Amino acid sequence: MTFPFSVIFSRQLEATITPNNRDKVLQYIEQYIKEDKANNIIVADMCVTYRGSTSNWRGSLFGSVDNGVFKLIHKDDSWFLNYQINMRRLFIDTAILSTIMGIFAQVTGDIWWVGIAAFLWLCGANWVTNLIRHDSEAGEIAAGIDELICGKEELPNQDKMTGKIKSWF
């Protein structure tokens, strides 16, 4: 797939992925996205894939994309986390809805470009929101991998609260 249906986020890692810690990193990615309600997670050689979400109607990050792939890539003597999301369903569903709105507007005598405006608003706003949210997700996972492998110095009296709210849905 190509842009804008498919978008790739790339984050350079400080950590060095070795055969000894590769499974630990892949398990970290799997657990992280499972907490965010990803569904149908498959862990392969150097990647973690998911398809959809377990909670499409409750603000799940992964409910608005078709699928995604997290890949660990070694390039130019550095390790990268590449995260690709596919959003073809977003474009198809909003195009159908906008066409229906445009036809309805034409039949009722309103202006013809209502369908185009609806598509731009529905699809465009959701697309931009997805880009921002998934870019942030890629950054958080990359930072977590660096912390997992490289470690982190803690201040003596540092607060240990995670700041996450537990969801019951």
C-alpha atoms as a PDB file:
ATOM      1  CA  MET A   1       0.000   0.000   0.000  1.00  0.00           C
ATOM      2  CA  THR A   2       1.069   3.567  -0.501  1.00  0.00           C
ATOM      3  CA  PHE A   3       0.683   6.894   1.210  1.00  0.00           C
ATOM      4  CA  PRO A   4      -1.927   8.008   2.446  1.00  0.00           C
ATOM      5  CA  PHE A   5      -3.390   4.499   2.911  1.00  0.00           C
ATOM      6  CA  SER A   6      -0.212   3.272   4.574  1.00  0.00           C
ATOM      7  CA  VAL A   7       2.113   5.338   6.753  1.00  0.00           C
ATOM      8  CA  ILE A   8       5.468   4.351   8.261  1.00  0.00           C
ATOM      9  CA  PHE A   9       6.917   5.840  11.443  1.00  0.00           C
ATOM     10  CA  SER A  10      10.605   5.226  12.127  1.00  0.00           C
ATOM     11  CA  ARG A  11      12.409   5.698  15.438  1.00  0.00           C
ATOM     12  CA  GLN A  12      16.116   5.185  16.002  1.00  0.00           C
ATOM     13  CA  LEU A  13      16.899   3.076  19.046  1.00  0.00           C
ATOM     14  CA  GLU A  14      19.767   3.657  21.447  1.00  0.00           C
ATOM     15  CA  ALA A  15      19.648  -0.023  22.325  1.00  0.00           C
ATOM     16  CA  THR A  16      21.455  -2.717  20.376  1.00  0.00           C
ATOM     17  CA  ILE A  17      19.275  -5.686  19.531  1.00  0.00           C
ATOM     18  CA  THR A  18      21.073  -9.003  19.921  1.00  0.00           C
ATOM     19  CA  PRO A  19      19.847 -12.592  19.659  1.00  0.00           C
ATOM     20  CA  ASN A  20      19.897 -12.678  23.478  1.00  0.00           C
ATOM     21  CA  ASN A  21      17.525  -9.740  23.981  1.00  0.00           C
ATOM     22  CA  ARG A  22      15.465  -9.912  20.758  1.00  0.00           C
ATOM     23  CA  ASP A  23      12.701 -12.062  22.284  1.00  0.00           C
ATOM     24  CA  LYS A  24      12.533  -9.765  25.307  1.00  0.00           C
ATOM     25  CA  VAL A  25      12.050  -6.723  23.028  1.00  0.00           C
ATOM     26  CA  LEU A  26       9.397  -8.435  20.900  1.00  0.00           C
ATOM     27  CA  GLN A  27       7.569  -9.561  24.042  1.00  0.00           C
ATOM     28  CA  TYR A  28       7.705  -5.961  25.352  1.00  0.00           C
ATOM     29  CA  ILE A  29       6.116  -4.665  22.122  1.00  0.00           C
ATOM     30  CA  GLU A  30       3.450  -7.384  22.278  1.00  0.00           C
ATOM     31  CA  GLN A  31       2.559  -6.609  25.895  1.00  0.00           C
ATOM     32  CA  TYR A  32       2.531  -2.847  25.256  1.00  0.00           C
ATOM     33  CA  ILE A  33       0.103  -3.029  22.357  1.00  0.00           C
ATOM     34  CA  LYS A  34      -1.988  -5.647  24.150  1.00  0.00           C
ATOM     35  CA  GLU A  35      -2.521  -3.125  26.979  1.00  0.00           C
ATOM     36  CA  ASP A  36      -3.790  -0.671  24.350  1.00  0.00           C
ATOM     37  CA  LYS A  37      -6.312  -3.311  23.173  1.00  0.00           C
ATOM     38  CA  ALA A  38      -4.654  -4.542  19.975  1.00  0.00           C
ATOM     39  CA  ASN A  39      -6.154  -7.752  18.605  1.00  0.00           C
ATOM     40  CA  ASN A  40      -4.828 -10.780  16.669  1.00  0.00           C
ATOM     41  CA  ILE A  41      -1.194 -10.173  17.613  1.00  0.00           C
ATOM     42  CA  ILE A  42       1.440 -12.273  15.852  1.00  0.00           C
ATOM     43  CA  VAL A  43       5.091 -12.245  16.901  1.00  0.00           C
ATOM     44  CA  ALA A  44       7.454 -13.324  14.124  1.00  0.00           C
ATOM     45  CA  ASP A  45      11.215 -13.237  13.527  1.00  0.00           C
ATOM     46  CA  MET A  46      11.889  -9.497  13.908  1.00  0.00           C
ATOM     47  CA  CYS A  47       8.356  -8.086  13.838  1.00  0.00           C
ATOM     48  CA  VAL A  48       5.081  -7.882  15.727  1.00  0.00           C
ATOM     49  CA  THR A  49       1.859  -7.533  13.736  1.00  0.00           C
ATOM     50  CA  TYR A  50      -1.704  -6.887  14.810  1.00  0.00           C
ATOM     51  CA  ARG A  51      -5.065  -6.670  13.108  1.00  0.00           C
ATOM     52  CA  GLY A  52      -7.659  -4.322  14.581  1.00  0.00           C
ATOM     53  CA  SER A  53      -8.691  -3.928  18.180  1.00  0.00           C
ATOM     54  CA  THR A  54     -10.627  -5.672  20.892  1.00  0.00           C
ATOM     55  CA  SER A  55     -12.466  -2.420  21.632  1.00  0.00           C
ATOM     56  CA  ASN A  56     -13.427  -0.480  18.503  1.00  0.00           C
ATOM     57  CA  TRP A  57     -16.047   1.681  20.208  1.00  0.00           C
ATOM     58  CA  ARG A  58     -14.169   2.682  23.358  1.00  0.00           C
ATOM     59  CA  GLY A  59     -11.475   4.943  21.954  1.00  0.00           C
ATOM     60  CA  SER A  60      -8.981   2.204  21.224  1.00  0.00           C
ATOM     61  CA  LEU A  61      -5.883   3.360  19.383  1.00  0.00           C
ATOM     62  CA  PHE A  62      -5.949   0.362  17.073  1.00  0.00           C
ATOM     63  CA  GLY A  63      -9.668   0.366  16.282  1.00  0.00           C
ATOM     64  CA  SER A  64      -9.345   2.972  13.555  1.00  0.00           C
ATOM     65  CA  VAL A  65      -6.665   1.196  11.505  1.00  0.00           C
ATOM     66  CA  ASP A  66      -6.839  -2.030   9.501  1.00  0.00           C
ATOM     67  CA  ASN A  67      -3.569  -3.462  10.773  1.00  0.00           C
ATOM     68  CA  GLY A  68      -0.052  -2.540  11.793  1.00  0.00           C
ATOM     69  CA  VAL A  69       3.471  -3.939  11.849  1.00  0.00           C
ATOM     70  CA  PHE A  70       6.313  -3.156  14.252  1.00  0.00           C
ATOM     71  CA  LYS A  71       9.682  -4.152  12.727  1.00  0.00           C
ATOM     72  CA  LEU A  72      13.154  -4.075  14.211  1.00  0.00           C
ATOM     73  CA  ILE A  73      15.550  -3.053  11.431  1.00  0.00           C
ATOM     74  CA  HIS A  74      19.334  -2.791  11.434  1.00  0.00           C
ATOM     75  CA  LYS A  75      20.517  -0.048   9.063  1.00  0.00           C
ATOM     76  CA  ASP A  76      23.721   2.031   8.952  1.00  0.00           C
ATOM     77  CA  ASP A  77      25.105   0.453  12.141  1.00  0.00           C
ATOM     78  CA  SER A  78      21.994   1.489  14.093  1.00  0.00           C
ATOM     79  CA  TRP A  79      18.770  -0.195  15.125  1.00  0.00           C
ATOM     80  CA  PHE A  80      15.415   1.284  14.200  1.00  0.00           C
ATOM     81  CA  LEU A  81      11.841   0.569  15.184  1.00  0.00           C
ATOM     82  CA  ASN A  82       9.682   0.916  12.071  1.00  0.00           C
ATOM     83  CA  TYR A  83       5.945   1.035  12.638  1.00  0.00           C
ATOM     84  CA  GLN A  84       3.628   0.797   9.634  1.00  0.00           C
ATOM     85  CA  ILE A  85      -0.126   1.326   9.845  1.00  0.00           C
ATOM     86  CA  ASN A  86      -2.647   0.628   7.095  1.00  0.00           C
ATOM     87  CA  MET A  87      -5.865   2.653   6.919  1.00  0.00           C
ATOM     88  CA  ARG A  88      -7.600   1.597   3.686  1.00  0.00           C
ATOM     89  CA  ARG A  89     -10.886   0.878   5.467  1.00  0.00           C
ATOM     90  CA  LEU A  90     -10.992   4.467   6.790  1.00  0.00           C
ATOM     91  CA  PHE A  91     -10.890   5.865   3.257  1.00  0.00           C
ATOM     92  CA  ILE A  92     -13.413   3.363   1.864  1.00  0.00           C
ATOM     93  CA  ASP A  93     -15.946   3.779   4.682  1.00  0.00           C
ATOM     94  CA  THR A  94     -15.812   7.578   4.660  1.00  0.00           C
ATOM     95  CA  ALA A  95     -16.014   7.672   0.845  1.00  0.00           C
ATOM     96  CA  ILE A  96     -19.194   5.557   0.931  1.00  0.00           C
ATOM     97  CA  LEU A  97     -20.723   7.665   3.702  1.00  0.00           C
ATOM     98  CA  SER A  98     -19.795  10.913   1.939  1.00  0.00           C
ATOM     99  CA  THR A  99     -21.242   9.689  -1.359  1.00  0.00           C
ATOM    100  CA  ILE A 100     -24.517   8.885   0.366  1.00  0.00           C
ATOM    101  CA  MET A 101     -24.535  12.332   1.995  1.00  0.00           C
ATOM    102  CA  GLY A 102     -23.789  13.991  -1.361  1.00  0.00           C
ATOM    103  CA  ILE A 103     -26.575  12.096  -3.136  1.00  0.00           C
ATOM    104  CA  PHE A 104     -29.007  12.926  -0.344  1.00  0.00           C
ATOM    105  CA  ALA A 105     -28.014  16.609  -0.540  1.00  0.00           C
ATOM    106  CA  GLN A 106     -28.462  16.593  -4.336  1.00  0.00           C
ATOM    107  CA  VAL A 107     -31.882  14.939  -4.123  1.00  0.00           C
ATOM    108  CA  THR A 108     -33.134  17.363  -1.465  1.00  0.00           C
ATOM    109  CA  GLY A 109     -31.954  20.347  -3.491  1.00  0.00           C
ATOM    110  CA  ASP A 110     -28.976  21.367  -1.373  1.00  0.00           C
ATOM    111  CA  ILE A 111     -25.560  22.183  -2.725  1.00  0.00           C
ATOM    112  CA  TRP A 112     -23.735  19.338  -4.484  1.00  0.00           C
ATOM    113  CA  TRP A 113     -20.367  19.642  -2.741  1.00  0.00           C
ATOM    114  CA  VAL A 114     -21.724  18.543   0.654  1.00  0.00           C
ATOM    115  CA  GLY A 115     -20.397  15.032  -0.028  1.00  0.00           C
ATOM    116  CA  ILE A 116     -16.904  16.309  -0.768  1.00  0.00           C
ATOM    117  CA  ALA A 117     -16.889  18.470   2.347  1.00  0.00           C
ATOM    118  CA  ALA A 118     -18.109  15.534   4.437  1.00  0.00           C
ATOM    119  CA  PHE A 119     -15.342  13.303   3.067  1.00  0.00           C
ATOM    120  CA  LEU A 120     -12.666  15.893   3.752  1.00  0.00           C
ATOM    121  CA  TRP A 121     -13.924  16.422   7.280  1.00  0.00           C
ATOM    122  CA  LEU A 122     -14.611  12.806   8.256  1.00  0.00           C
ATOM    123  CA  CYS A 123     -11.662  11.191   6.543  1.00  0.00           C
ATOM    124  CA  GLY A 124      -9.188  14.031   6.892  1.00  0.00           C
ATOM    125  CA  ALA A 125      -9.772  14.644  10.577  1.00  0.00           C
ATOM    126  CA  ASN A 126      -9.616  10.935  11.418  1.00  0.00           C
ATOM    127  CA  TRP A 127      -6.496  10.469   9.281  1.00  0.00           C
ATOM    128  CA  VAL A 128      -4.630  13.347  10.956  1.00  0.00           C
ATOM    129  CA  THR A 129      -5.706  12.167  14.404  1.00  0.00           C
ATOM    130  CA  ASN A 130      -4.457   8.646  13.606  1.00  0.00           C
ATOM    131  CA  LEU A 131      -1.105   9.989  12.433  1.00  0.00           C
ATOM    132  CA  ILE A 132      -0.586  11.985  15.614  1.00  0.00           C
ATOM    133  CA  ARG A 133      -1.672   9.170  17.950  1.00  0.00           C
ATOM    134  CA  HIS A 134       0.321   6.420  16.214  1.00  0.00           C
ATOM    135  CA  ASP A 135       3.431   8.605  15.893  1.00  0.00           C
ATOM    136  CA  SER A 136       3.266   9.120  19.648  1.00  0.00           C
ATOM    137  CA  GLU A 137       2.786   5.375  20.167  1.00  0.00           C
ATOM    138  CA  ALA A 138       5.913   4.599  18.106  1.00  0.00           C
ATOM    139  CA  GLY A 139       7.924   7.073  20.169  1.00  0.00           C
ATOM    140  CA  GLU A 140       6.713   5.636  23.472  1.00  0.00           C
ATOM    141  CA  ILE A 141       7.496   2.067  22.432  1.00  0.00           C
ATOM    142  CA  ALA A 142      10.981   3.047  21.181  1.00  0.00           C
ATOM    143  CA  ALA A 143      11.675   4.842  24.477  1.00  0.00           C
ATOM    144  CA  GLY A 144      10.441   1.768  26.368  1.00  0.00           C
ATOM    145  CA  ILE A 145      12.744  -0.513  24.388  1.00  0.00           C
ATOM    146  CA  ASP A 146      15.718   1.750  25.125  1.00  0.00           C
ATOM    147  CA  GLU A 147      14.816   1.769  28.811  1.00  0.00           C
ATOM    148  CA  LEU A 148      14.344  -2.013  28.817  1.00  0.00           C
ATOM    149  CA  ILE A 149      17.692  -2.786  27.193  1.00  0.00           C
ATOM    150  CA  CYS A 150      19.923   0.137  28.203  1.00  0.00           C
ATOM    151  CA  GLY A 151      18.420   0.714  31.615  1.00  0.00           C
ATOM    152  CA  LYS A 152      17.574   3.978  33.297  1.00  0.00           C
ATOM    153  CA  GLU A 153      19.042   5.743  36.254  1.00  0.00           C
ATOM    154  CA  GLU A 154      16.450   6.488  38.904  1.00  0.00           C
ATOM    155  CA  LEU A 155      16.675   9.298  41.400  1.00  0.00           C
ATOM    156  CA  PRO A 156      16.685   8.075  45.012  1.00  0.00           C
ATOM    157  CA  ASN A 157      13.180   9.331  45.904  1.00  0.00           C
ATOM    158  CA  GLN A 158      11.606   9.160  42.456  1.00  0.00           C
ATOM    159  CA  ASP A 159       7.840   8.580  42.360  1.00  0.00           C
ATOM    160  CA  LYS A 160       7.039   5.081  41.067  1.00  0.00           C
ATOM    161  CA  MET A 161       3.470   5.793  39.862  1.00  0.00           C
ATOM    162  CA  THR A 162       2.916   5.026  36.175  1.00  0.00           C
ATOM    163  CA  GLY A 163       0.184   7.583  35.534  1.00  0.00           C
ATOM    164  CA  LYS A 164      -1.936   5.119  33.541  1.00  0.00           C
ATOM    165  CA  ILE A 165      -5.640   4.751  34.234  1.00  0.00           C
ATOM    166  CA  LYS A 166      -6.852   1.194  34.292  1.00  0.00           C
ATOM    167  CA  SER A 167      -9.709   0.504  31.906  1.00  0.00           C
ATOM    168  CA  TRP A 168     -12.418  -1.991  32.658  1.00  0.00           C
ATOM    169  CA  PHE A 169     -13.545  -2.217  29.040  1.00  0.00           C
END
